[in-house]
């Protein structure tokens, strides 16, 4: 199934106001946690509705703009980091050891202005990593762009910890029983990014072509990187 930024919205609104799930590990944040939309979010929504009603903006255009930042502009930064790690073993070693400095090799855009530390966790044939923030929506904006609505929703934040395999199935990702699922809880101090497995038969692809395969969802851990048939069979002649 294809999961969009609106998929968890209805469920999230239903769950608004619910207490935090018992037994969840606590962590310290430097901002408030809210189950219901903030006053600022409500004002933005009201302003958007008013502008649409008066014909000053097009809702579809706004959705397209948000989608661009969610799926194209922001995630492309992280995708370049992943692709470099796939083709350069030395860079991969640096990335796993000190993600902030390794990402800074691409430029300041990869260094968070929030003072948090980036940690990259690697998927392997035996380990699959999933990122969540159980108490709010801590997210590595510099490398993934805008956080999707489902990432911020109460159902995802609780169920990703309680039953991660079911959550992954809802995103269309079925893992073998012998694959361990590791859930990483982001905080105000530490943000995570998944280094997905490089797809098989992608040896012919350049670093730029590999980066084009990497999606935001794969770097959060709710998807894997898939090689499209036309790319895997592409014969290059010199």
C-alpha atoms as a PDB file:
ATOM      1  CA  UNK A   1       0.000   0.000   0.000  1.00  0.00           C
ATOM      2  CA  UNK A   2       1.079   3.596  -0.517  1.00  0.00           C
ATOM      3  CA  UNK A   3       1.089   5.750   2.605  1.00  0.00           C
ATOM      4  CA  UNK A   4       0.719   9.509   2.183  1.00  0.00           C
ATOM      5  CA  UNK A   5       1.156  12.375   4.579  1.00  0.00           C
ATOM      6  CA  UNK A   6      -2.605  12.325   5.296  1.00  0.00           C
ATOM      7  CA  UNK A   7      -2.985   8.585   6.012  1.00  0.00           C
ATOM      8  CA  UNK A   8      -2.701   8.754   9.786  1.00  0.00           C
ATOM      9  CA  UNK A   9      -4.513  12.106  10.143  1.00  0.00           C
ATOM     10  CA  UNK A  10      -8.011  10.803  10.877  1.00  0.00           C
ATOM     11  CA  UNK A  11      -6.709   8.359  13.451  1.00  0.00           C
ATOM     12  CA  UNK A  12      -4.492  11.008  14.978  1.00  0.00           C
ATOM     13  CA  UNK A  13      -7.402  13.383  15.455  1.00  0.00           C
ATOM     14  CA  UNK A  14      -9.473  10.614  17.018  1.00  0.00           C
ATOM     15  CA  UNK A  15      -6.667   9.964  19.455  1.00  0.00           C
ATOM     16  CA  UNK A  16      -6.195  13.639  20.312  1.00  0.00           C
ATOM     17  CA  UNK A  17      -6.232  14.269  23.995  1.00  0.00           C
ATOM     18  CA  UNK A  18      -5.386  10.656  24.870  1.00  0.00           C
ATOM     19  CA  UNK A  19      -2.865  10.109  27.631  1.00  0.00           C
ATOM     20  CA  UNK A  20       0.652   9.007  26.778  1.00  0.00           C
ATOM     21  CA  UNK A  21       0.973   5.247  26.381  1.00  0.00           C
ATOM     22  CA  UNK A  22       1.923   3.626  29.754  1.00  0.00           C
ATOM     23  CA  UNK A  23       5.350   2.114  29.900  1.00  0.00           C
ATOM     24  CA  UNK A  24       6.865   4.290  27.215  1.00  0.00           C
ATOM     25  CA  UNK A  25      10.454   5.284  28.005  1.00  0.00           C
ATOM     26  CA  UNK A  26      10.587   8.907  29.159  1.00  0.00           C
ATOM     27  CA  UNK A  27      13.028  11.413  27.784  1.00  0.00           C
ATOM     28  CA  UNK A  28      13.652  15.084  28.320  1.00  0.00           C
ATOM     29  CA  UNK A  29      12.625  17.623  25.693  1.00  0.00           C
ATOM     30  CA  UNK A  30      13.044  21.338  25.520  1.00  0.00           C
ATOM     31  CA  UNK A  31       9.545  21.874  24.171  1.00  0.00           C
ATOM     32  CA  UNK A  32       5.978  21.036  25.143  1.00  0.00           C
ATOM     33  CA  UNK A  33       4.132  17.873  24.090  1.00  0.00           C
ATOM     34  CA  UNK A  34       0.611  18.245  22.802  1.00  0.00           C
ATOM     35  CA  UNK A  35      -1.894  15.679  21.601  1.00  0.00           C
ATOM     36  CA  UNK A  36      -4.146  18.375  20.140  1.00  0.00           C
ATOM     37  CA  UNK A  37      -3.100  20.965  17.550  1.00  0.00           C
ATOM     38  CA  UNK A  38      -1.366  24.008  18.997  1.00  0.00           C
ATOM     39  CA  UNK A  39      -2.896  27.485  18.817  1.00  0.00           C
ATOM     40  CA  UNK A  40      -0.340  28.349  16.157  1.00  0.00           C
ATOM     41  CA  UNK A  41      -1.303  25.311  14.049  1.00  0.00           C
ATOM     42  CA  UNK A  42      -4.989  26.149  14.363  1.00  0.00           C
ATOM     43  CA  UNK A  43      -4.344  29.751  13.309  1.00  0.00           C
ATOM     44  CA  UNK A  44      -2.363  28.596  10.290  1.00  0.00           C
ATOM     45  CA  UNK A  45      -5.175  26.230   9.305  1.00  0.00           C
ATOM     46  CA  UNK A  46      -7.765  28.981   9.726  1.00  0.00           C
ATOM     47  CA  UNK A  47      -5.706  31.376   7.619  1.00  0.00           C
ATOM     48  CA  UNK A  48      -5.265  28.714   4.925  1.00  0.00           C
ATOM     49  CA  UNK A  49      -9.022  28.045   4.854  1.00  0.00           C
ATOM     50  CA  UNK A  50      -9.789  31.760   4.597  1.00  0.00           C
ATOM     51  CA  UNK A  51      -7.332  32.302   1.741  1.00  0.00           C
ATOM     52  CA  UNK A  52      -8.739  29.302  -0.134  1.00  0.00           C
ATOM     53  CA  UNK A  53     -12.312  30.454   0.451  1.00  0.00           C
ATOM     54  CA  UNK A  54     -11.531  33.903  -1.011  1.00  0.00           C
ATOM     55  CA  UNK A  55      -9.761  32.341  -3.986  1.00  0.00           C
ATOM     56  CA  UNK A  56      -6.383  33.866  -3.142  1.00  0.00           C
ATOM     57  CA  UNK A  57      -4.569  30.525  -2.969  1.00  0.00           C
ATOM     58  CA  UNK A  58      -5.207  27.074  -4.358  1.00  0.00           C
ATOM     59  CA  UNK A  59      -5.320  24.211  -1.845  1.00  0.00           C
ATOM     60  CA  UNK A  60      -3.890  21.796  -4.406  1.00  0.00           C
ATOM     61  CA  UNK A  61      -0.967  24.155  -4.976  1.00  0.00           C
ATOM     62  CA  UNK A  62      -0.313  24.288  -1.225  1.00  0.00           C
ATOM     63  CA  UNK A  63      -0.411  20.494  -1.020  1.00  0.00           C
ATOM     64  CA  UNK A  64       1.999  20.275  -3.948  1.00  0.00           C
ATOM     65  CA  UNK A  65       4.370  22.705  -2.231  1.00  0.00           C
ATOM     66  CA  UNK A  66       4.304  20.755   1.033  1.00  0.00           C
ATOM     67  CA  UNK A  67       4.790  17.512  -0.878  1.00  0.00           C
ATOM     68  CA  UNK A  68       7.838  18.963  -2.625  1.00  0.00           C
ATOM     69  CA  UNK A  69       9.498  19.832   0.689  1.00  0.00           C
ATOM     70  CA  UNK A  70       8.477  16.522   2.239  1.00  0.00           C
ATOM     71  CA  UNK A  71       9.561  14.224  -0.573  1.00  0.00           C
ATOM     72  CA  UNK A  72      11.961  16.078  -2.862  1.00  0.00           C
ATOM     73  CA  UNK A  73      13.885  19.072  -1.502  1.00  0.00           C
ATOM     74  CA  UNK A  74      14.561  18.005   2.092  1.00  0.00           C
ATOM     75  CA  UNK A  75      15.017  14.243   1.643  1.00  0.00           C
ATOM     76  CA  UNK A  76      17.438  14.781  -1.258  1.00  0.00           C
ATOM     77  CA  UNK A  77      20.019  15.951   1.287  1.00  0.00           C
ATOM     78  CA  UNK A  78      19.800  12.722   3.226  1.00  0.00           C
ATOM     79  CA  UNK A  79      19.696  10.679   0.011  1.00  0.00           C
ATOM     80  CA  UNK A  80      23.037  12.095  -1.074  1.00  0.00           C
ATOM     81  CA  UNK A  81      24.535  11.111   2.281  1.00  0.00           C
ATOM     82  CA  UNK A  82      23.192   7.561   1.911  1.00  0.00           C
ATOM     83  CA  UNK A  83      24.443   7.209  -1.656  1.00  0.00           C
ATOM     84  CA  UNK A  84      27.921   8.417  -0.674  1.00  0.00           C
ATOM     85  CA  UNK A  85      28.032   5.848   2.134  1.00  0.00           C
ATOM     86  CA  UNK A  86      27.098   3.109  -0.336  1.00  0.00           C
ATOM     87  CA  UNK A  87      29.911   3.898  -2.763  1.00  0.00           C
ATOM     88  CA  UNK A  88      32.613   5.083  -0.351  1.00  0.00           C
ATOM     89  CA  UNK A  89      33.444   2.653   2.508  1.00  0.00           C
ATOM     90  CA  UNK A  90      35.684   5.217   4.220  1.00  0.00           C
ATOM     91  CA  UNK A  91      32.882   7.780   4.235  1.00  0.00           C
ATOM     92  CA  UNK A  92      30.464   5.162   5.580  1.00  0.00           C
ATOM     93  CA  UNK A  93      32.831   4.485   8.473  1.00  0.00           C
ATOM     94  CA  UNK A  94      33.009   8.209   9.265  1.00  0.00           C
ATOM     95  CA  UNK A  95      29.233   8.551   8.978  1.00  0.00           C
ATOM     96  CA  UNK A  96      28.494   5.752  11.424  1.00  0.00           C
ATOM     97  CA  UNK A  97      31.136   7.015  13.860  1.00  0.00           C
ATOM     98  CA  UNK A  98      30.304  10.748  13.743  1.00  0.00           C
ATOM     99  CA  UNK A  99      27.304  11.606  11.599  1.00  0.00           C
ATOM    100  CA  UNK A 100      27.384  15.354  12.240  1.00  0.00           C
ATOM    101  CA  UNK A 101      30.929  15.778  10.958  1.00  0.00           C
ATOM    102  CA  UNK A 102      30.437  13.350   8.083  1.00  0.00           C
ATOM    103  CA  UNK A 103      27.313  15.176   6.920  1.00  0.00           C
ATOM    104  CA  UNK A 104      29.109  18.502   7.267  1.00  0.00           C
ATOM    105  CA  UNK A 105      31.399  17.355   4.436  1.00  0.00           C
ATOM    106  CA  UNK A 106      28.477  18.144   2.123  1.00  0.00           C
ATOM    107  CA  UNK A 107      28.094  21.663   3.539  1.00  0.00           C
ATOM    108  CA  UNK A 108      26.522  23.482   6.468  1.00  0.00           C
ATOM    109  CA  UNK A 109      23.000  22.502   5.350  1.00  0.00           C
ATOM    110  CA  UNK A 110      23.576  19.070   6.881  1.00  0.00           C
ATOM    111  CA  UNK A 111      24.466  20.468  10.301  1.00  0.00           C
ATOM    112  CA  UNK A 112      21.385  21.050  12.440  1.00  0.00           C
ATOM    113  CA  UNK A 113      20.915  24.524  13.866  1.00  0.00           C
ATOM    114  CA  UNK A 114      19.013  23.021  16.824  1.00  0.00           C
ATOM    115  CA  UNK A 115      22.161  21.772  18.548  1.00  0.00           C
ATOM    116  CA  UNK A 116      21.130  18.141  18.412  1.00  0.00           C
ATOM    117  CA  UNK A 117      23.417  15.236  17.579  1.00  0.00           C
ATOM    118  CA  UNK A 118      22.791  13.092  14.509  1.00  0.00           C
ATOM    119  CA  UNK A 119      23.189   9.330  14.735  1.00  0.00           C
ATOM    120  CA  UNK A 120      23.044   7.068  11.680  1.00  0.00           C
ATOM    121  CA  UNK A 121      21.935   3.455  12.188  1.00  0.00           C
ATOM    122  CA  UNK A 122      22.634   0.873   9.489  1.00  0.00           C
ATOM    123  CA  UNK A 123      20.196  -1.694   8.136  1.00  0.00           C
ATOM    124  CA  UNK A 124      21.644  -5.147   7.463  1.00  0.00           C
ATOM    125  CA  UNK A 125      20.173  -8.467   6.282  1.00  0.00           C
ATOM    126  CA  UNK A 126      19.584  -9.325   9.961  1.00  0.00           C
ATOM    127  CA  UNK A 127      18.683  -5.926  11.453  1.00  0.00           C
ATOM    128  CA  UNK A 128      16.068  -3.386  10.387  1.00  0.00           C
ATOM    129  CA  UNK A 129      15.922   0.025  12.055  1.00  0.00           C
ATOM    130  CA  UNK A 130      12.847   2.202  12.584  1.00  0.00           C
ATOM    131  CA  UNK A 131      12.815   5.823  13.755  1.00  0.00           C
ATOM    132  CA  UNK A 132      10.159   7.388  15.975  1.00  0.00           C
ATOM    133  CA  UNK A 133       9.729  10.106  18.587  1.00  0.00           C
ATOM    134  CA  UNK A 134       7.351   8.722  21.196  1.00  0.00           C
ATOM    135  CA  UNK A 135       6.522  11.973  22.961  1.00  0.00           C
ATOM    136  CA  UNK A 136       6.442  14.557  20.156  1.00  0.00           C
ATOM    137  CA  UNK A 137       7.950  14.737  16.665  1.00  0.00           C
ATOM    138  CA  UNK A 138      11.727  15.204  16.909  1.00  0.00           C
ATOM    139  CA  UNK A 139      12.980  14.815  13.354  1.00  0.00           C
ATOM    140  CA  UNK A 140      16.212  15.504  11.405  1.00  0.00           C
ATOM    141  CA  UNK A 141      14.920  18.420   9.327  1.00  0.00           C
ATOM    142  CA  UNK A 142      18.280  19.322   7.705  1.00  0.00           C
ATOM    143  CA  UNK A 143      18.497  15.949   5.957  1.00  0.00           C
ATOM    144  CA  UNK A 144      14.867  14.801   5.678  1.00  0.00           C
ATOM    145  CA  UNK A 145      12.911  18.015   5.220  1.00  0.00           C
ATOM    146  CA  UNK A 146       9.426  18.386   6.704  1.00  0.00           C
ATOM    147  CA  UNK A 147       8.206  15.571   8.956  1.00  0.00           C
ATOM    148  CA  UNK A 148       5.193  13.762   7.471  1.00  0.00           C
ATOM    149  CA  UNK A 149       1.846  13.973   9.270  1.00  0.00           C
ATOM    150  CA  UNK A 150       1.854  10.270  10.103  1.00  0.00           C
ATOM    151  CA  UNK A 151       5.249  10.593  11.858  1.00  0.00           C
ATOM    152  CA  UNK A 152       3.778  13.164  14.241  1.00  0.00           C
ATOM    153  CA  UNK A 153       0.540  11.257  14.871  1.00  0.00           C
ATOM    154  CA  UNK A 154      -0.175   9.574  18.200  1.00  0.00           C
ATOM    155  CA  UNK A 155      -0.932   6.165  16.609  1.00  0.00           C
ATOM    156  CA  UNK A 156       2.460   5.977  14.890  1.00  0.00           C
ATOM    157  CA  UNK A 157       4.363   7.261  17.924  1.00  0.00           C
ATOM    158  CA  UNK A 158       2.873   4.610  20.198  1.00  0.00           C
ATOM    159  CA  UNK A 159       2.471   1.633  17.870  1.00  0.00           C
ATOM    160  CA  UNK A 160       5.946   1.924  16.367  1.00  0.00           C
ATOM    161  CA  UNK A 161       7.286   0.965  19.791  1.00  0.00           C
ATOM    162  CA  UNK A 162       4.593  -1.502  20.860  1.00  0.00           C
ATOM    163  CA  UNK A 163       4.188  -3.409  17.587  1.00  0.00           C
ATOM    164  CA  UNK A 164       6.666  -2.177  14.954  1.00  0.00           C
ATOM    165  CA  UNK A 165       6.148  -5.126  12.605  1.00  0.00           C
ATOM    166  CA  UNK A 166       2.442  -4.352  12.247  1.00  0.00           C
ATOM    167  CA  UNK A 167       3.239  -0.712  11.531  1.00  0.00           C
ATOM    168  CA  UNK A 168       5.745  -1.739   8.864  1.00  0.00           C
ATOM    169  CA  UNK A 169       3.165  -4.049   7.277  1.00  0.00           C
ATOM    170  CA  UNK A 170       0.766  -1.116   6.976  1.00  0.00           C
ATOM    171  CA  UNK A 171       3.465   0.655   4.974  1.00  0.00           C
ATOM    172  CA  UNK A 172       3.783  -2.431   2.766  1.00  0.00           C
ATOM    173  CA  UNK A 173       7.005  -3.709   4.327  1.00  0.00           C
ATOM    174  CA  UNK A 174       6.981  -7.361   5.401  1.00  0.00           C
ATOM    175  CA  UNK A 175      10.137  -8.516   7.176  1.00  0.00           C
ATOM    176  CA  UNK A 176      11.270 -12.087   7.702  1.00  0.00           C
ATOM    177  CA  UNK A 177      10.822 -13.407  11.232  1.00  0.00           C
ATOM    178  CA  UNK A 178      14.580 -13.759  11.720  1.00  0.00           C
ATOM    179  CA  UNK A 179      15.135 -10.039  11.064  1.00  0.00           C
ATOM    180  CA  UNK A 180      15.466  -8.051  14.274  1.00  0.00           C
ATOM    181  CA  UNK A 181      13.566  -4.736  14.371  1.00  0.00           C
ATOM    182  CA  UNK A 182      15.333  -2.004  16.346  1.00  0.00           C
ATOM    183  CA  UNK A 183      13.242   1.062  17.236  1.00  0.00           C
ATOM    184  CA  UNK A 184      15.161   4.286  17.913  1.00  0.00           C
ATOM    185  CA  UNK A 185      13.425   6.990  19.955  1.00  0.00           C
ATOM    186  CA  UNK A 186      14.497  10.471  18.874  1.00  0.00           C
ATOM    187  CA  UNK A 187      14.863  13.228  21.454  1.00  0.00           C
ATOM    188  CA  UNK A 188      15.644  16.930  21.510  1.00  0.00           C
ATOM    189  CA  UNK A 189      19.309  15.998  21.896  1.00  0.00           C
ATOM    190  CA  UNK A 190      19.647  13.058  19.484  1.00  0.00           C
ATOM    191  CA  UNK A 191      18.089  12.584  16.038  1.00  0.00           C
ATOM    192  CA  UNK A 192      18.391   9.415  13.981  1.00  0.00           C
ATOM    193  CA  UNK A 193      18.621   8.562  10.299  1.00  0.00           C
ATOM    194  CA  UNK A 194      18.481   5.056   8.831  1.00  0.00           C
ATOM    195  CA  UNK A 195      21.183   3.972   6.394  1.00  0.00           C
ATOM    196  CA  UNK A 196      19.164   1.564   4.209  1.00  0.00           C
ATOM    197  CA  UNK A 197      20.658  -1.494   2.553  1.00  0.00           C
ATOM    198  CA  UNK A 198      21.922  -0.846  -0.936  1.00  0.00           C
ATOM    199  CA  UNK A 199      19.674  -2.653  -3.427  1.00  0.00           C
ATOM    200  CA  UNK A 200      21.125  -5.689  -5.148  1.00  0.00           C
ATOM    201  CA  UNK A 201      22.274  -5.384  -8.778  1.00  0.00           C
ATOM    202  CA  UNK A 202      22.873  -1.638  -8.447  1.00  0.00           C
ATOM    203  CA  UNK A 203      26.611  -1.809  -9.131  1.00  0.00           C
ATOM    204  CA  UNK A 204      26.218  -0.090 -12.508  1.00  0.00           C
ATOM    205  CA  UNK A 205      24.567   2.981 -11.036  1.00  0.00           C
ATOM    206  CA  UNK A 206      26.449   6.186 -10.316  1.00  0.00           C
ATOM    207  CA  UNK A 207      26.316   7.902  -6.943  1.00  0.00           C
ATOM    208  CA  UNK A 208      23.821  10.415  -8.310  1.00  0.00           C
ATOM    209  CA  UNK A 209      21.605   7.643  -9.691  1.00  0.00           C
ATOM    210  CA  UNK A 210      21.737   5.799  -6.383  1.00  0.00           C
ATOM    211  CA  UNK A 211      20.710   8.947  -4.524  1.00  0.00           C
ATOM    212  CA  UNK A 212      17.655   9.210  -6.767  1.00  0.00           C
ATOM    213  CA  UNK A 213      16.492   5.817  -5.468  1.00  0.00           C
ATOM    214  CA  UNK A 214      16.593   6.768  -1.786  1.00  0.00           C
ATOM    215  CA  UNK A 215      13.290   7.931  -0.284  1.00  0.00           C
ATOM    216  CA  UNK A 216      12.401   9.719   2.911  1.00  0.00           C
ATOM    217  CA  UNK A 217      10.472   6.674   4.103  1.00  0.00           C
ATOM    218  CA  UNK A 218      13.536   4.456   3.651  1.00  0.00           C
ATOM    219  CA  UNK A 219      15.592   6.828   5.817  1.00  0.00           C
ATOM    220  CA  UNK A 220      12.914   6.727   8.531  1.00  0.00           C
ATOM    221  CA  UNK A 221      12.756   2.945   8.262  1.00  0.00           C
ATOM    222  CA  UNK A 222       9.201   2.336   7.047  1.00  0.00           C
ATOM    223  CA  UNK A 223      10.415   1.280   3.596  1.00  0.00           C
ATOM    224  CA  UNK A 224      13.398  -0.203   1.802  1.00  0.00           C
ATOM    225  CA  UNK A 225      15.217   1.081  -1.266  1.00  0.00           C
ATOM    226  CA  UNK A 226      14.002  -0.645  -4.402  1.00  0.00           C
ATOM    227  CA  UNK A 227      15.845  -0.844  -7.697  1.00  0.00           C
ATOM    228  CA  UNK A 228      13.534  -0.197 -10.594  1.00  0.00           C
ATOM    229  CA  UNK A 229      13.856  -2.870 -13.330  1.00  0.00           C
ATOM    230  CA  UNK A 230      14.849  -0.382 -16.030  1.00  0.00           C
ATOM    231  CA  UNK A 231      17.758   0.809 -13.893  1.00  0.00           C
ATOM    232  CA  UNK A 232      19.054  -2.632 -13.025  1.00  0.00           C
ATOM    233  CA  UNK A 233      18.986  -3.774 -16.667  1.00  0.00           C
ATOM    234  CA  UNK A 234      20.446  -0.619 -18.114  1.00  0.00           C
ATOM    235  CA  UNK A 235      23.488  -1.447 -20.257  1.00  0.00           C
ATOM    236  CA  UNK A 236      26.034   1.320 -20.503  1.00  0.00           C
ATOM    237  CA  UNK A 237      28.413   1.375 -23.457  1.00  0.00           C
ATOM    238  CA  UNK A 238      31.607   3.363 -23.686  1.00  0.00           C
END
